[in-house]
Amino acid sequence: MKNLIILDSEIRRDLKEFYESLEGGSEVVITTYETPLIRKVRNFKIVGSPFYHFLMWKKSYNYAKKLIEKDVKKIVCLNPLVGIFLGLFNDKGIDITLAGFLFEPKRNKIYYNLRKYLVNRTLKNVNRVVVYSNKEVEYYSNIFDNYKDKFKFVHYGLDYRNSSEYDGVLPEKFIFSGGGSNRDYETLVKAMELSNTDNKLVIATQPWRVPYHNNKNIIVKSDVVIENFGNVMQKSQVLVLSLKDTELSAGHMVMLQAMKLRVPIIVNDIPAVRDYVDESMVTFYQSKNAEQLSNILKSFKVDIEKINKAESLYNSVYTSKSLIDRLVLE
């Protein structure tokens, strides 16, 4: 009876044979959500977010319904959405590790409590839940007190292929930001307005995520996707990660990619980021402090020593192989 490893990204495909060799033989399934429909829908204003989440959950349900039928004794699932459904469907006592767990607060209390009920059912049927920031262990243990012993912090890791060439128009020199989860674009936009310079800012995300502004130096690119994200980032002068001041993990994929690509990093100082880097590798600013961020952007200079340290740490700790080693050895 084989084990099953469910991967969360096509980016991990290059190590498929390595994953298959683990624990005496493992079946590997790669899940992906980058379909033309999902990419189109998520850019819609107002209705984009709910439709996007509906399609993501539907696809995750379909993956899980099929995968739970496999004759395996152990599942390591790096896709947290699929993992939620696997727990709901697990009536055979399969040993399941759910990695990358995320449970965010919601304004709609009915929706929040429904999700909490479903997650409680999931947690009953999984053996361990891996989170990617240390603070999340305590945070989720307080919410799901009956299952607090199942939560464990493990450092994230991901390899990055050579990106496809972005064929859109970019400024000759620009600051870069991107991503959707737990982003604080309001502070970043305010910082750009306060800087009063000709610096260009390219934000790779859905337009509805960025606050309204009249700054012509801020350019939102919804056609920068996973295949060419790294290509655009590598052409930038610096990456700015403006994250919500939360106990939840945030920004890891983008930050690690910048470390790999030797792109300088400016990021707000939150515990989830401190789990991965310190001042010797990135430039910190105080969360929601647009004035401080503005001053950093106006005077920023590349520090090669920081770049070297960040790249070295990435190569030794934050690769895909490093992550799967940590998960399988649990």
Protein backbone atom coordinates (compact mmCIF):
# COMPACT_ATOMS: atom_id res chain seq x y z
CA MET A 1 0.00 0.00 0.00
CA LYS A 2 1.55 3.28 -1.14
CA ASN A 3 1.48 6.70 0.44
CA LEU A 4 -0.05 9.69 -1.33
CA ILE A 5 1.60 13.12 -1.60
CA ILE A 6 -0.65 15.92 -2.88
CA LEU A 7 1.30 18.93 -4.13
CA ASP A 8 -0.02 22.47 -4.23
CA SER A 9 1.61 23.79 -7.38
CA GLU A 10 2.86 22.88 -10.85
CA ILE A 11 6.10 24.52 -9.74
CA ARG A 12 6.90 21.37 -7.75
CA ARG A 13 6.67 19.08 -10.80
CA ASP A 14 10.45 19.06 -11.34
CA LEU A 15 10.86 17.06 -8.12
CA LYS A 16 8.05 14.60 -8.85
CA GLU A 17 10.41 11.61 -9.08
CA PHE A 18 12.01 12.53 -5.76
CA TYR A 19 8.60 12.71 -4.07
CA GLU A 20 7.64 9.34 -5.57
CA SER A 21 10.69 7.72 -3.95
CA LEU A 22 9.80 8.80 -0.41
CA GLU A 23 8.77 6.38 2.33
CA GLY A 24 9.26 3.28 0.23
CA GLY A 25 7.17 4.56 -2.65
CA SER A 26 4.59 7.31 -2.90
CA GLU A 27 2.00 8.29 -5.46
CA VAL A 28 2.22 11.99 -6.32
CA VAL A 29 -0.69 14.16 -7.48
CA ILE A 30 -0.17 17.79 -8.52
CA THR A 31 -3.15 20.10 -8.02
CA THR A 32 -3.54 23.33 -9.92
CA TYR A 33 -6.08 26.15 -10.08
CA GLU A 34 -4.61 28.30 -12.85
CA THR A 35 -7.43 27.71 -15.33
CA PRO A 36 -8.54 30.32 -17.91
CA LEU A 37 -11.93 30.66 -16.19
CA ILE A 38 -10.48 31.23 -12.71
CA ARG A 39 -7.97 33.75 -14.07
CA LYS A 40 -10.76 35.65 -15.81
CA VAL A 41 -13.26 35.60 -12.94
CA ARG A 42 -10.87 36.75 -10.22
CA ASN A 43 -10.35 40.08 -11.99
CA PHE A 44 -14.05 41.00 -11.87
CA LYS A 45 -14.88 43.91 -9.59
CA ILE A 46 -17.27 43.21 -6.67
CA VAL A 47 -18.33 39.72 -7.80
CA GLY A 48 -14.78 38.58 -8.59
CA SER A 49 -13.86 37.50 -5.07
CA PRO A 50 -16.96 35.36 -4.30
CA PHE A 51 -16.94 33.71 -7.74
CA TYR A 52 -13.22 33.06 -7.49
CA HIS A 53 -13.58 31.42 -4.07
CA PHE A 54 -16.56 29.36 -5.24
CA LEU A 55 -14.56 27.95 -8.16
CA MET A 56 -11.56 27.25 -5.93
CA TRP A 57 -13.69 25.38 -3.37
CA LYS A 58 -15.54 23.44 -6.09
CA LYS A 59 -12.30 22.32 -7.71
CA SER A 60 -10.87 21.36 -4.30
CA TYR A 61 -13.98 19.32 -3.51
CA ASN A 62 -13.63 17.43 -6.80
CA TYR A 63 -9.95 16.71 -6.16
CA ALA A 64 -10.62 15.42 -2.65
CA LYS A 65 -13.63 13.30 -3.61
CA LYS A 66 -11.47 11.45 -6.12
CA LEU A 67 -8.27 11.22 -4.05
CA ILE A 68 -9.88 9.89 -0.87
CA GLU A 69 -10.84 6.73 -2.77
CA LYS A 70 -7.21 5.75 -3.34
CA ASP A 71 -5.88 2.72 -1.48
CA VAL A 72 -3.24 4.45 0.64
CA LYS A 73 -2.26 4.33 4.31
CA LYS A 74 -0.91 7.87 4.59
CA ILE A 75 -1.56 11.21 2.87
CA VAL A 76 0.66 14.30 3.01
CA CYS A 77 -1.42 17.13 1.52
CA LEU A 78 0.29 20.44 0.72
CA ASN A 79 -2.94 21.85 -0.70
CA PRO A 80 -4.91 23.16 2.31
CA LEU A 81 -8.24 23.49 0.47
CA VAL A 82 -8.10 19.89 -0.72
CA GLY A 83 -6.94 18.89 2.76
CA ILE A 84 -10.10 20.36 4.34
CA PHE A 85 -12.29 18.10 2.21
CA LEU A 86 -10.05 15.07 2.69
CA GLY A 87 -10.62 15.39 6.43
CA LEU A 88 -14.39 15.62 5.91
CA PHE A 89 -14.37 12.51 3.71
CA ASN A 90 -11.88 10.45 5.75
CA ASP A 91 -14.01 7.63 7.16
CA LYS A 92 -11.31 4.99 6.57
CA GLY A 93 -8.86 6.20 9.20
CA ILE A 94 -6.16 7.27 6.74
CA ASP A 95 -3.22 9.04 8.39
CA ILE A 96 -3.45 12.60 7.00
CA THR A 97 -1.04 15.51 7.33
CA LEU A 98 -2.72 18.75 6.30
CA ALA A 99 -0.08 21.37 5.45
CA GLY A 100 -0.56 25.10 4.94
CA PHE A 101 -3.74 25.31 7.00
CA LEU A 102 -5.39 28.74 6.91
CA PHE A 103 -8.54 29.88 8.72
CA GLU A 104 -9.16 33.61 8.36
CA PRO A 105 -11.65 35.76 10.27
CA LYS A 106 -14.73 36.77 8.22
CA ARG A 107 -17.15 39.69 8.59
CA ASN A 108 -20.12 37.45 7.83
CA LYS A 109 -20.65 35.57 11.11
CA ILE A 110 -22.93 32.95 9.54
CA TYR A 111 -20.29 32.11 6.93
CA TYR A 112 -17.55 32.15 9.57
CA ASN A 113 -19.41 29.78 11.91
CA LEU A 114 -20.29 27.43 9.05
CA ARG A 115 -16.63 27.24 8.06
CA LYS A 116 -15.65 26.70 11.69
CA TYR A 117 -18.11 23.81 11.98
CA LEU A 118 -16.74 22.16 8.83
CA VAL A 119 -13.12 22.68 9.91
CA ASN A 120 -13.84 21.11 13.30
CA ARG A 121 -15.12 18.03 11.49
CA THR A 122 -11.99 18.02 9.34
CA LEU A 123 -9.64 18.33 12.30
CA LYS A 124 -11.27 15.32 13.95
CA ASN A 125 -10.21 13.15 11.01
CA VAL A 126 -6.65 14.38 10.34
CA ASN A 127 -3.57 13.45 12.36
CA ARG A 128 -1.53 16.64 12.18
CA VAL A 129 -1.96 20.18 10.90
CA VAL A 130 1.08 22.08 9.67
CA VAL A 131 1.14 25.88 9.68
CA TYR A 132 3.82 28.11 8.19
CA SER A 133 4.24 30.64 11.00
CA ASN A 134 4.99 30.05 14.66
CA LYS A 135 2.28 32.38 15.99
CA GLU A 136 -0.38 30.40 14.15
CA VAL A 137 0.05 27.43 16.48
CA GLU A 138 -1.23 29.41 19.47
CA TYR A 139 -3.76 31.32 17.35
CA TYR A 140 -5.45 28.19 15.99
CA SER A 141 -5.11 26.28 19.26
CA ASN A 142 -7.31 28.94 20.90
CA ILE A 143 -9.94 28.68 18.15
CA PHE A 144 -9.92 24.89 17.89
CA ASP A 145 -9.16 24.01 21.50
CA ASN A 146 -10.17 20.33 21.16
CA TYR A 147 -7.46 19.78 18.55
CA LYS A 148 -4.69 22.08 19.79
CA ASP A 149 -2.18 19.23 20.00
CA LYS A 150 -2.44 18.66 16.25
CA PHE A 151 -1.02 22.05 15.20
CA LYS A 152 2.69 22.29 14.40
CA PHE A 153 4.87 24.99 12.85
CA VAL A 154 7.08 24.02 9.90
CA HIS A 155 9.02 26.42 7.67
CA TYR A 156 7.61 26.70 4.15
CA GLY A 157 9.69 25.91 1.09
CA LEU A 158 9.27 26.08 -2.68
CA ASP A 159 11.47 25.86 -5.76
CA TYR A 160 11.02 28.35 -8.58
CA ARG A 161 11.40 27.46 -12.23
CA ASN A 162 12.77 29.84 -14.79
CA SER A 163 9.79 32.09 -15.52
CA SER A 164 8.22 32.67 -18.91
CA GLU A 165 8.97 36.05 -20.44
CA TYR A 166 6.33 38.66 -19.66
CA ASP A 167 5.19 40.17 -22.97
CA GLY A 168 3.43 43.21 -21.55
CA VAL A 169 4.78 46.73 -21.18
CA LEU A 170 6.84 47.58 -18.08
CA PRO A 171 8.61 50.78 -17.03
CA GLU A 172 12.37 50.83 -17.49
CA LYS A 173 12.84 51.10 -13.72
CA PHE A 174 10.21 50.20 -11.15
CA ILE A 175 9.35 49.04 -7.64
CA PHE A 176 7.45 45.75 -7.56
CA SER A 177 4.72 44.31 -5.37
CA GLY A 178 2.22 41.52 -5.91
CA GLY A 179 0.00 38.77 -4.59
CA GLY A 180 -3.43 38.74 -3.00
CA SER A 181 -3.56 36.99 0.35
CA ASN A 182 -3.23 39.20 3.46
CA ARG A 183 -1.91 42.18 1.50
CA ASP A 184 -2.06 45.78 2.77
CA TYR A 185 -2.01 47.75 -0.46
CA GLU A 186 -3.57 50.76 1.26
CA THR A 187 -0.33 51.50 3.13
CA LEU A 188 1.75 50.97 0.00
CA VAL A 189 -0.41 53.32 -2.09
CA LYS A 190 -0.25 55.99 0.65
CA ALA A 191 3.53 55.63 0.81
CA MET A 192 3.80 56.19 -2.94
CA GLU A 193 1.60 59.28 -2.71
CA LEU A 194 3.70 60.67 0.15
CA SER A 195 6.99 60.03 -1.63
CA ASN A 196 6.11 62.55 -4.34
CA THR A 197 8.72 61.12 -6.70
CA ASP A 198 8.71 59.76 -10.23
CA ASN A 199 9.33 56.21 -9.01
CA LYS A 200 7.04 53.73 -10.76
CA LEU A 201 5.26 51.02 -8.78
CA VAL A 202 4.03 47.87 -10.54
CA ILE A 203 1.53 45.80 -8.54
CA ALA A 204 0.78 42.31 -9.87
CA THR A 205 -2.69 41.55 -8.55
CA GLN A 206 -6.39 41.90 -9.28
CA PRO A 207 -7.36 45.60 -9.70
CA TRP A 208 -10.11 45.43 -7.06
CA ARG A 209 -7.52 44.63 -4.37
CA VAL A 210 -5.81 48.02 -4.80
CA PRO A 211 -7.45 51.12 -3.23
CA TYR A 212 -8.65 53.87 -5.54
CA HIS A 213 -5.97 56.46 -6.27
CA ASN A 214 -5.00 59.16 -8.79
CA ASN A 215 -1.30 58.37 -8.85
CA LYS A 216 -0.17 57.75 -12.43
CA ASN A 217 3.04 56.15 -11.13
CA ILE A 218 1.08 53.19 -9.73
CA ILE A 219 0.46 50.52 -12.37
CA VAL A 220 -1.72 47.48 -11.61
CA LYS A 221 -1.01 44.43 -13.77
CA SER A 222 -3.65 41.66 -13.69
CA ASP A 223 -1.94 39.77 -16.53
CA VAL A 224 1.15 38.97 -14.45
CA VAL A 225 0.46 35.34 -13.49
CA ILE A 226 2.38 32.48 -11.93
CA GLU A 227 4.27 31.64 -15.13
CA ASN A 228 5.76 35.13 -15.61
CA PHE A 229 5.61 36.53 -12.06
CA GLY A 230 9.29 35.85 -11.41
CA ASN A 231 10.30 37.38 -14.73
CA VAL A 232 8.63 40.67 -13.82
CA MET A 233 9.99 40.59 -10.27
CA GLN A 234 13.54 40.01 -11.51
CA LYS A 235 13.34 43.13 -13.68
CA SER A 236 12.40 45.31 -10.72
CA GLN A 237 14.68 47.37 -8.50
CA VAL A 238 13.14 46.17 -5.25
CA LEU A 239 10.22 44.09 -3.96
CA VAL A 240 7.89 45.75 -1.44
CA LEU A 241 5.75 43.32 0.55
CA SER A 242 3.08 45.30 2.38
CA LEU A 243 1.26 42.77 4.57
CA LYS A 244 -1.60 42.93 7.03
CA ASP A 245 -0.43 42.98 10.63
CA THR A 246 -1.80 39.55 11.42
CA GLU A 247 -0.83 36.40 13.30
CA LEU A 248 -1.50 34.40 10.15
CA SER A 249 1.21 33.40 7.69
CA ALA A 250 1.50 35.82 4.80
CA GLY A 251 3.69 36.63 1.80
CA HIS A 252 5.99 33.61 2.05
CA MET A 253 5.81 32.48 -1.57
CA VAL A 254 6.63 35.93 -2.96
CA MET A 255 9.33 36.68 -0.38
CA LEU A 256 11.11 33.36 -0.93
CA GLN A 257 11.01 33.87 -4.69
CA ALA A 258 12.67 37.26 -4.27
CA MET A 259 15.36 35.68 -2.07
CA LYS A 260 15.98 33.07 -4.77
CA LEU A 261 16.09 35.68 -7.56
CA ARG A 262 18.37 38.05 -5.58
CA VAL A 263 15.81 40.87 -5.56
CA PRO A 264 16.11 43.30 -2.60
CA ILE A 265 13.18 43.07 -0.17
CA ILE A 266 11.31 45.72 1.84
CA VAL A 267 8.68 44.21 4.14
CA ASN A 268 6.73 45.23 7.23
CA ASP A 269 7.88 43.77 10.53
CA ILE A 270 5.42 41.06 11.59
CA PRO A 271 6.07 37.76 13.42
CA ALA A 272 5.19 35.60 10.40
CA VAL A 273 8.00 37.28 8.42
CA ARG A 274 10.45 37.18 11.37
CA ASP A 275 10.07 33.38 11.34
CA TYR A 276 11.93 33.40 8.02
CA VAL A 277 14.26 36.42 7.83
CA ASP A 278 15.85 39.17 9.91
CA GLU A 279 17.42 42.62 9.40
CA SER A 280 20.54 41.12 7.88
CA MET A 281 18.52 39.97 4.84
CA VAL A 282 15.65 42.43 4.36
CA THR A 283 14.69 46.03 5.15
CA PHE A 284 11.86 46.28 7.67
CA TYR A 285 9.30 49.02 8.22
CA GLN A 286 6.57 49.34 10.84
CA SER A 287 3.16 47.96 9.80
CA LYS A 288 0.72 50.61 8.48
CA ASN A 289 3.42 53.31 8.73
CA ALA A 290 3.11 54.81 5.26
CA GLU A 291 5.41 57.74 6.11
CA GLN A 292 8.25 55.45 7.18
CA LEU A 293 7.81 53.28 4.09
CA SER A 294 7.78 56.41 1.92
CA ASN A 295 11.09 57.58 3.38
CA ILE A 296 12.63 54.15 2.83
CA LEU A 297 11.53 54.14 -0.81
CA LYS A 298 12.96 57.64 -1.40
CA SER A 299 16.39 56.76 0.03
CA PHE A 300 16.61 53.02 -0.72
CA LYS A 301 19.95 51.64 -1.86
CA VAL A 302 20.78 48.05 -2.78
CA ASP A 303 22.71 46.17 -0.10
CA ILE A 304 24.58 43.27 -1.74
CA GLU A 305 25.41 41.67 1.61
CA LYS A 306 21.71 41.42 2.45
CA ILE A 307 20.99 39.89 -0.95
CA ASN A 308 23.78 37.32 -0.55
CA LYS A 309 22.60 36.28 2.91
CA ALA A 310 18.99 35.96 1.76
CA GLU A 311 19.92 33.83 -1.24
CA SER A 312 22.16 31.58 0.86
CA LEU A 313 19.44 31.00 3.46
CA TYR A 314 16.89 30.22 0.76
CA ASN A 315 19.16 27.62 -0.86
CA SER A 316 19.88 25.88 2.43
CA VAL A 317 16.46 25.97 4.13
CA TYR A 318 13.55 27.07 1.94
CA THR A 319 13.58 24.78 -1.11
CA SER A 320 10.81 22.31 -1.99
CA LYS A 321 13.01 19.38 -0.98
CA SER A 322 13.68 20.97 2.41
CA LEU A 323 9.94 21.39 3.02
CA ILE A 324 9.00 17.84 2.07
CA ASP A 325 11.83 16.48 4.20
CA ARG A 326 10.41 18.38 7.17
CA LEU A 327 6.88 17.15 6.48
CA VAL A 328 7.72 13.50 5.86
CA LEU A 329 10.02 13.31 8.86
CA GLU A 330 7.24 14.52 11.17
